[in-house]
Each structure stands twice: as C-alpha cells, then as structure tokens.
Protein backbone atom coordinates (compact mmCIF):
# COMPACT_ATOMS: atom_id res chain seq x y z
CA UNK A 1 24.30 37.12 -71.61
CA UNK A 2 21.37 39.53 -71.64
CA UNK A 3 21.99 42.96 -70.08
CA UNK A 4 20.66 43.69 -66.61
CA UNK A 5 18.94 46.86 -67.84
CA UNK A 6 17.99 47.83 -71.37
CA UNK A 7 16.52 51.21 -72.25
CA UNK A 8 15.12 51.35 -75.78
CA UNK A 9 14.18 54.66 -77.45
CA UNK A 10 13.03 56.28 -74.23
CA UNK A 11 11.05 59.48 -74.64
CA UNK A 12 10.08 61.35 -71.45
CA UNK A 13 7.78 64.38 -71.48
CA UNK A 14 6.33 66.88 -69.00
CA UNK A 15 3.04 68.75 -68.96
CA UNK A 16 3.58 72.50 -68.56
CA UNK A 17 1.52 75.67 -68.90
CA UNK A 18 2.99 76.03 -72.39
CA UNK A 19 1.92 72.49 -73.27
CA UNK A 20 3.85 69.24 -73.52
CA UNK A 21 7.65 69.47 -73.56
CA UNK A 22 9.97 66.54 -74.26
CA UNK A 23 12.93 66.35 -71.90
CA UNK A 24 14.48 63.05 -73.05
CA UNK A 25 14.42 62.13 -76.74
CA UNK A 26 14.95 58.61 -78.12
CA UNK A 27 17.56 57.56 -75.53
CA UNK A 28 18.80 53.96 -75.74
CA UNK A 29 21.50 52.16 -73.73
CA UNK A 30 22.30 48.96 -71.85
CA UNK A 31 23.89 48.18 -68.51
CA UNK A 32 25.44 44.74 -68.09
CA UNK A 33 25.81 42.71 -64.91
CA UNK A 34 28.56 44.23 -62.73
CA UNK A 35 29.10 47.11 -65.17
CA UNK A 36 29.41 50.82 -64.37
CA UNK A 37 27.93 53.11 -67.01
CA UNK A 38 28.42 56.86 -66.59
CA UNK A 39 25.99 59.40 -68.04
CA UNK A 40 27.73 62.71 -68.65
CA UNK A 41 26.66 66.20 -69.67
CA UNK A 42 25.93 69.74 -68.55
CA UNK A 43 23.05 70.63 -66.26
CA UNK A 44 19.77 70.46 -68.15
CA UNK A 45 20.88 67.83 -70.66
CA UNK A 46 18.48 65.13 -69.41
CA UNK A 47 20.76 62.96 -67.28
CA UNK A 48 18.68 62.97 -64.11
CA UNK A 49 15.36 62.71 -65.95
CA UNK A 50 16.66 59.61 -67.73
CA UNK A 51 17.55 57.99 -64.40
CA UNK A 52 14.26 58.99 -62.77
CA UNK A 53 12.35 57.53 -65.72
CA UNK A 54 13.75 54.08 -64.93
CA UNK A 55 11.94 54.06 -61.57
CA UNK A 56 9.05 56.26 -62.79
CA UNK A 57 9.84 58.96 -60.20
CA UNK A 58 8.80 61.80 -62.51
CA UNK A 59 6.19 63.54 -60.35
CA UNK A 60 2.61 64.27 -61.34
CA UNK A 61 3.50 66.20 -64.51
CA UNK A 62 6.11 63.85 -65.94
CA UNK A 63 5.44 60.69 -67.90
CA UNK A 64 7.11 58.24 -70.25
CA UNK A 65 5.71 59.07 -73.67
CA UNK A 66 7.21 56.12 -75.52
CA UNK A 67 9.98 53.53 -75.39
CA UNK A 68 10.76 50.46 -73.30
CA UNK A 69 12.71 49.95 -70.09
CA UNK A 70 13.51 46.28 -69.50
CA UNK A 71 15.02 45.13 -66.22
CA UNK A 72 15.77 41.40 -65.95
CA UNK A 73 13.16 40.55 -68.61
CA UNK A 74 10.50 42.73 -66.93
CA UNK A 75 9.10 45.71 -68.82
CA UNK A 76 9.10 48.41 -66.12
CA UNK A 77 6.84 50.80 -68.02
CA UNK A 78 4.04 48.22 -67.85
CA UNK A 79 4.19 47.64 -64.09
CA UNK A 80 1.64 49.17 -61.73
CA UNK A 81 2.55 51.29 -58.71
CA UNK A 82 2.64 48.35 -56.28
CA UNK A 83 4.85 46.24 -58.55
CA UNK A 84 7.25 49.16 -58.99
CA UNK A 85 7.34 49.78 -55.23
CA UNK A 86 8.61 46.23 -54.69
CA UNK A 87 11.48 46.87 -57.11
CA UNK A 88 12.44 50.33 -55.82
CA UNK A 89 14.92 50.07 -52.98
CA UNK A 90 15.27 46.30 -53.23
CA UNK A 91 16.38 45.49 -56.79
CA UNK A 92 17.07 49.03 -58.01
CA UNK A 93 18.25 51.66 -55.53
CA UNK A 94 19.10 55.32 -56.00
CA UNK A 95 21.48 57.76 -54.35
CA UNK A 96 20.02 61.21 -54.89
CA UNK A 97 21.96 64.45 -55.44
CA UNK A 98 21.19 66.17 -52.15
CA UNK A 99 21.16 63.86 -49.11
CA UNK A 100 19.78 66.62 -46.86
CA UNK A 101 16.57 66.87 -48.90
CA UNK A 102 16.39 63.10 -49.45
CA UNK A 103 16.58 62.09 -45.78
CA UNK A 104 13.52 62.57 -43.57
CA UNK A 105 14.39 65.34 -41.07
CA UNK A 106 11.98 64.07 -38.36
CA UNK A 107 13.19 60.45 -38.28
CA UNK A 108 16.47 59.22 -36.84
CA UNK A 109 19.06 57.71 -39.15
CA UNK A 110 18.46 54.29 -37.60
CA UNK A 111 14.68 54.46 -38.11
CA UNK A 112 15.09 55.37 -41.78
CA UNK A 113 17.47 52.49 -42.38
CA UNK A 114 15.33 49.93 -40.53
CA UNK A 115 12.24 51.12 -42.41
CA UNK A 116 13.92 50.29 -45.71
CA UNK A 117 14.99 46.85 -44.49
CA UNK A 118 11.60 45.97 -42.98
CA UNK A 119 9.84 47.09 -46.16
CA UNK A 120 11.70 44.67 -48.42
CA UNK A 121 13.37 42.00 -46.27
CA UNK A 122 12.02 39.18 -44.13
CA UNK A 123 13.53 40.49 -40.88
CA UNK A 124 12.35 41.23 -37.36
CA UNK A 125 12.68 44.79 -35.97
CA UNK A 126 15.66 43.66 -33.89
CA UNK A 127 17.39 42.10 -36.89
CA UNK A 128 16.69 45.23 -38.94
CA UNK A 129 18.29 47.43 -36.27
CA UNK A 130 21.36 45.21 -36.15
CA UNK A 131 21.71 45.34 -39.91
CA UNK A 132 21.26 49.12 -39.89
CA UNK A 133 24.16 49.53 -37.47
CA UNK A 134 26.27 47.09 -39.53
CA UNK A 135 25.59 49.09 -42.71
CA UNK A 136 26.59 52.36 -41.04
CA UNK A 137 29.86 50.74 -39.95
CA UNK A 138 30.34 49.28 -43.43
CA UNK A 139 30.16 52.70 -45.07
CA UNK A 140 32.83 54.03 -42.71
CA UNK A 141 30.80 55.80 -40.05
CA UNK A 142 32.42 55.67 -36.62
CA UNK A 143 30.24 55.32 -33.51
CA UNK A 144 27.52 53.74 -35.66
CA UNK A 145 25.26 52.93 -32.69
CA UNK A 146 25.26 56.58 -31.58
CA UNK A 147 24.85 57.95 -35.12
CA UNK A 148 21.82 55.68 -35.67
CA UNK A 149 20.04 57.62 -32.89
CA UNK A 150 20.78 61.03 -34.41
CA UNK A 151 18.81 63.11 -36.92
CA UNK A 152 20.09 64.11 -40.39
CA UNK A 153 20.66 67.79 -39.50
CA UNK A 154 23.31 66.83 -36.93
CA UNK A 155 25.52 65.11 -39.52
CA UNK A 156 28.03 66.59 -41.97
CA UNK A 157 27.42 66.46 -45.71
CA UNK A 158 29.89 63.60 -46.15
CA UNK A 159 28.26 61.56 -43.38
CA UNK A 160 24.78 62.16 -44.79
CA UNK A 161 25.99 60.91 -48.17
CA UNK A 162 27.40 57.78 -46.49
CA UNK A 163 24.01 57.22 -44.85
CA UNK A 164 22.35 57.50 -48.28
CA UNK A 165 24.75 54.89 -49.64
CA UNK A 166 23.99 52.60 -46.70
CA UNK A 167 20.25 52.97 -47.35
CA UNK A 168 20.70 52.34 -51.07
CA UNK A 169 22.65 49.13 -50.40
CA UNK A 170 20.52 47.93 -47.47
CA UNK A 171 18.74 45.28 -49.56
CA UNK A 172 21.71 44.39 -51.82
CA UNK A 173 20.25 45.86 -55.06
CA UNK A 174 21.25 44.57 -58.47
CA UNK A 175 21.40 48.10 -59.90
CA UNK A 176 22.50 51.27 -58.10
CA UNK A 177 21.67 54.63 -59.68
CA UNK A 178 23.99 57.30 -58.29
CA UNK A 179 22.89 60.82 -59.25
CA UNK A 180 25.83 63.19 -58.70
CA UNK A 181 26.89 61.34 -55.52
CA UNK A 182 29.80 63.71 -54.79
CA UNK A 183 28.16 67.06 -55.54
CA UNK A 184 28.79 69.77 -52.88
CA UNK A 185 31.39 67.63 -51.08
CA UNK A 186 34.99 68.76 -50.69
CA UNK A 187 37.67 66.98 -52.71
CA UNK A 188 38.91 64.74 -49.89
CA UNK A 189 35.40 63.53 -49.05
CA UNK A 190 34.62 63.05 -52.76
CA UNK A 191 37.58 60.68 -53.09
CA UNK A 192 36.44 58.73 -50.01
CA UNK A 193 32.87 58.40 -51.31
CA UNK A 194 34.03 57.20 -54.74
CA UNK A 195 36.40 54.66 -53.20
CA UNK A 196 33.57 53.45 -50.98
CA UNK A 197 31.17 53.01 -53.92
CA UNK A 198 33.82 51.03 -55.85
CA UNK A 199 34.53 48.82 -52.86
CA UNK A 200 30.85 48.14 -52.18
CA UNK A 201 30.23 47.46 -55.87
CA UNK A 202 32.75 44.61 -55.71
CA UNK A 203 31.35 43.28 -52.43
CA UNK A 204 27.69 43.32 -53.48
CA UNK A 205 28.30 42.70 -57.23
CA UNK A 206 26.11 45.68 -58.05
CA UNK A 207 25.80 47.33 -61.46
CA UNK A 208 26.01 51.12 -61.36
CA UNK A 209 24.45 53.90 -63.41
CA UNK A 210 26.52 56.96 -62.51
CA UNK A 211 25.09 60.39 -63.31
CA UNK A 212 27.76 63.11 -63.29
CA UNK A 213 29.20 66.17 -65.00
CA UNK A 214 32.67 65.47 -63.59
CA UNK A 215 34.91 63.75 -66.13
CA UNK A 216 37.46 63.01 -63.42
CA UNK A 217 34.83 60.87 -61.69
CA UNK A 218 34.09 59.17 -65.03
CA UNK A 219 37.76 58.26 -65.53
CA UNK A 220 37.90 56.81 -62.03
CA UNK A 221 34.67 54.84 -62.02
CA UNK A 222 33.20 54.01 -65.44
CA UNK A 223 33.45 51.11 -67.87
CA UNK A 224 31.34 52.80 -70.55
CA UNK A 225 30.14 56.37 -71.02
CA UNK A 226 27.02 58.00 -72.47
CA UNK A 227 27.42 61.68 -73.32
CA UNK A 228 24.08 63.50 -73.36
CA UNK A 229 23.24 66.89 -74.81
CA UNK A 230 19.83 68.57 -74.93
CA UNK A 231 17.96 65.36 -74.13
CA UNK A 232 19.79 63.15 -76.64
CA UNK A 233 22.71 60.74 -76.49
CA UNK A 234 25.40 62.31 -78.69
CA UNK A 235 28.20 59.80 -78.04
CA UNK A 236 28.61 56.37 -76.46
CA UNK A 237 31.80 54.39 -76.09
CA UNK A 238 34.08 52.72 -73.55
CA UNK A 239 35.85 55.01 -71.10
CA UNK A 240 39.30 54.58 -72.68
CA UNK A 241 38.09 55.52 -76.18
CA UNK A 242 36.23 58.53 -74.80
CA UNK A 243 39.40 60.09 -73.40
CA UNK A 244 41.67 59.00 -76.25
CA UNK A 245 39.48 59.40 -79.34
CA UNK A 246 36.25 61.29 -78.63
CA UNK A 247 34.59 62.25 -81.91
CA UNK A 248 31.61 64.45 -81.13
CA UNK A 249 32.47 68.19 -80.98
CA UNK A 250 30.55 68.52 -77.70
CA UNK A 251 32.48 65.68 -76.05
CA UNK A 252 35.75 67.15 -77.26
CA UNK A 253 34.67 70.49 -75.85
CA UNK A 254 34.07 68.92 -72.46
CA UNK A 255 37.45 67.22 -72.53
CA UNK A 256 39.30 70.37 -73.57
CA UNK A 257 37.86 72.22 -70.58
CA UNK A 258 39.59 69.89 -68.07
CA UNK A 259 42.67 71.42 -66.40
CA UNK A 260 45.89 69.39 -66.76
CA UNK A 261 48.25 68.95 -63.82
CA UNK A 262 51.28 68.71 -66.10
CA UNK A 263 50.55 72.17 -67.56
CA UNK A 264 48.66 74.21 -64.95
CA UNK A 265 49.28 77.49 -66.80
CA UNK A 266 47.55 76.24 -69.95
CA UNK A 267 44.51 78.31 -70.88
CA UNK A 268 41.33 76.29 -70.60
CA UNK A 269 38.87 76.12 -73.47
CA UNK A 270 35.19 76.74 -72.93
CA UNK A 271 32.10 75.84 -74.92
CA UNK A 272 30.36 79.04 -76.04
CA UNK A 273 26.66 79.50 -75.36
CA UNK A 274 24.46 77.23 -73.27
CA UNK A 275 22.21 74.18 -73.57
CA UNK A 276 19.02 75.15 -75.45
CA UNK A 277 15.75 75.26 -73.55
CA UNK A 278 13.59 72.15 -73.90
CA UNK A 279 10.79 74.43 -75.09
CA UNK A 280 12.94 75.92 -77.88
CA UNK A 281 15.01 73.14 -79.41
CA UNK A 282 16.71 74.15 -82.67
CA UNK A 283 15.90 72.41 -85.91
CA UNK A 284 18.60 70.00 -87.03
CA UNK A 285 21.55 69.20 -84.77
CA UNK A 286 20.92 70.49 -81.26
CA UNK A 287 24.57 71.47 -80.79
CA UNK A 288 24.77 73.52 -84.00
CA UNK A 289 24.66 76.99 -82.38
CA UNK A 290 27.69 76.17 -80.23
CA UNK A 291 29.69 74.18 -82.78
CA UNK A 292 32.54 75.77 -84.80
CA UNK A 293 32.18 73.03 -87.45
CA UNK A 294 28.42 73.34 -88.06
CA UNK A 295 27.45 73.23 -91.75
CA UNK A 296 24.16 73.85 -93.57
CA UNK A 297 23.15 70.20 -93.22
CA UNK A 298 23.60 70.45 -89.44
CA UNK A 299 21.06 73.27 -89.38
CA UNK A 300 18.54 71.40 -91.54
CA UNK A 301 18.63 67.79 -90.31
CA UNK A 302 19.15 66.12 -86.97
CA UNK A 303 21.91 63.50 -87.32
CA UNK A 304 21.26 59.90 -86.26
CA UNK A 305 23.66 57.94 -84.08
CA UNK A 306 26.36 56.66 -86.44
CA UNK A 307 28.27 53.54 -85.41
CA UNK A 308 32.00 53.57 -86.08
CA UNK A 309 34.62 51.02 -85.05
CA UNK A 310 34.16 48.88 -81.92
CA UNK A 311 30.58 49.97 -81.34
CA UNK A 312 31.52 53.63 -80.89
CA UNK A 313 28.32 55.69 -81.42
CA UNK A 314 28.43 59.34 -82.49
CA UNK A 315 25.55 61.70 -83.36
CA UNK A 316 27.34 63.96 -85.84
CA UNK A 317 27.14 64.44 -89.61
CA UNK A 318 30.93 64.75 -89.82
CA UNK A 319 31.24 61.07 -88.90
CA UNK A 320 29.12 60.13 -91.93
CA UNK A 321 31.85 61.37 -94.24
CA UNK A 322 35.16 59.69 -93.33
CA UNK A 323 37.20 62.36 -95.06
CA UNK A 324 36.18 64.79 -92.32
CA UNK A 325 37.28 62.56 -89.45
CA UNK A 326 40.74 64.08 -89.23
CA UNK A 327 39.15 67.53 -89.05
CA UNK A 328 36.88 66.38 -86.24
CA UNK A 329 39.67 64.72 -84.25
CA UNK A 330 41.69 67.95 -84.28
CA UNK A 331 38.66 70.03 -83.36
CA UNK A 332 39.34 73.09 -81.20
CA UNK A 333 36.68 75.34 -79.76
CA UNK A 334 36.83 79.03 -80.66
C-alpha cells in the first residue's frame, strides 16, 4: 500500500537580510495510513519548519526550494492557494504549539468551530453548531454548550488545547500534524491530552505527525521516529529500536539525558554546545563540534544516511565502518 504522505528530499529556505538561508536540508520520510511518526530534536533543528512546509504555511519569506511532498497521489508543492486551502483543515489538520495565539481572541469558541465546519462540510449553520458542541464534549470539555459561548481568554491552557484538538478533528482529517501539543501544560494535563489524541486517532483512523522534543511522549505515542539535527534527519527507525539500539551520537546524547525513575540519584548527561545557526553551518557533519567521537573525515565531509538492518537509517560515518559499531553503541558524552 502506498503511504498517505511522502516527503522526498525537501529543502526549505527563507529570505533574510543576509540572503537566503536553508532551514531544512534534504529531508525525506513517509507516513503510512493510521501510523504515528514522531519528529524529535532540540529547538531550532527544523522540526516545525518541516511540518509547516507540508501545508505551505511558511509566511512571505519562506519557500520550498526543492523536493516533493505527495499526499494521496497529489503533489502538494504544485497546488495553487485555493487547492491548498481545500486540503488544509479538511484532509490535513494541524494543532499548533500555542493555542492562545492560534485561537482568534475576538470570536467565541463555538463560532471558530462552526466556521471550520461550514468552510469544508456540507452542513447548515444549525448542524454546524450541533457538531461543534458534540466535538467539545468529545474532547472532554464539561458544560460544552456554555463553553461554546465563551472566548479563548476565559479558558485554561488545557481547555484551549482541547479546543484546538476539536477544531483539528472537526472535519475528520486523514493526517493530523501535532506541533508540541503538550508544551506549557502541567504533567497531569499532558497525560490527559496524549490519551485523548490516542483515543481520537483510533476513532477517526487518523495518521499523526507528532513534533516534539519530549522522548517520553515519543515512547508513549509513536510507531516510528525521525531524529532531526540542524535541519537534517540524522536517524530514523521504529520506536523500539530507537530506545534499545540508537546509533547516532546525537540520539544517544538525547537518550542519556533522560532521568530514570529506578535511579533518581544518577547524574544526567548533557550534550555540550548548542545547535549551529542556520547561517553558519559547519562543513562536514553538522554535529561534529559537539561529538566526542568526531574524526577528521567528520570535519571534511557530510555523511549520507546509511541504512543498516531493518531499514534503520543513520547519518554517521562510524556506521560506514562496522568495526566501529561497538564503539558507537557504548558512546558516552563527555
């Protein structure tokens, strides 16, 4: 079966005062029907730009420089604004990071939900209002009729995020892009939101692209994982392999920084340095300045994505030489 979404060598750039800068470099991945794919990495690694490229929500200075984005046999990069508008919200929906800035402050919750339904569905205003109230109830909001008449500022962060989920699922999309859906929520609310997304995924048979920096969320939600660093995919594998046998030094650094409940006194590792600026990418491997295993070749040449067993992809020169694999698997950050 063909994948629902296929991104092939995507390159996204922005026009700046310093000239063109490339934010996403040669990114390729697939999302199957009913599959949840997580995209992981630090802030500034290109996760959100990759997701925004799918719906061409890049603003006036951003543009797709090259590559293909195919959704159900349609090449999205070739569609005009009107054709894309019909897809946004109906076939592909997005939950944005900050629900307060994503919801319209001068419209009631009910009006914003009915607007989405009327835009894409063959429904009367009365039917749209009924469905809006049903969706609010479905995402766990009590007193849905009363909440529909309120404005976003009167709701808590968790309730606003539930409203965003209701809006995203209003037209039963085939693909849901969730960009840090639990950011700025307390732990209890985070767990409720994740459980809700999983439950609604099963009900609506929706595929999910989950953007996050939280590996706990990845373990809970994902089938496959893309690890991004400095605009590139550095590792791709299924979620079990990622936690059991990650091979890229950056991925292993992320995993080693997770606290363990069985040993709370254990000292956490950290990755030295920071993600390079998109205007000053190093030559060769982009992780070289932060990697304890970097060699001369890493500083000269950018590694391709090597495929190991079971489709596991790793962008690291150490994977090219099998004799170094044991060294990589026991990698510890210094």
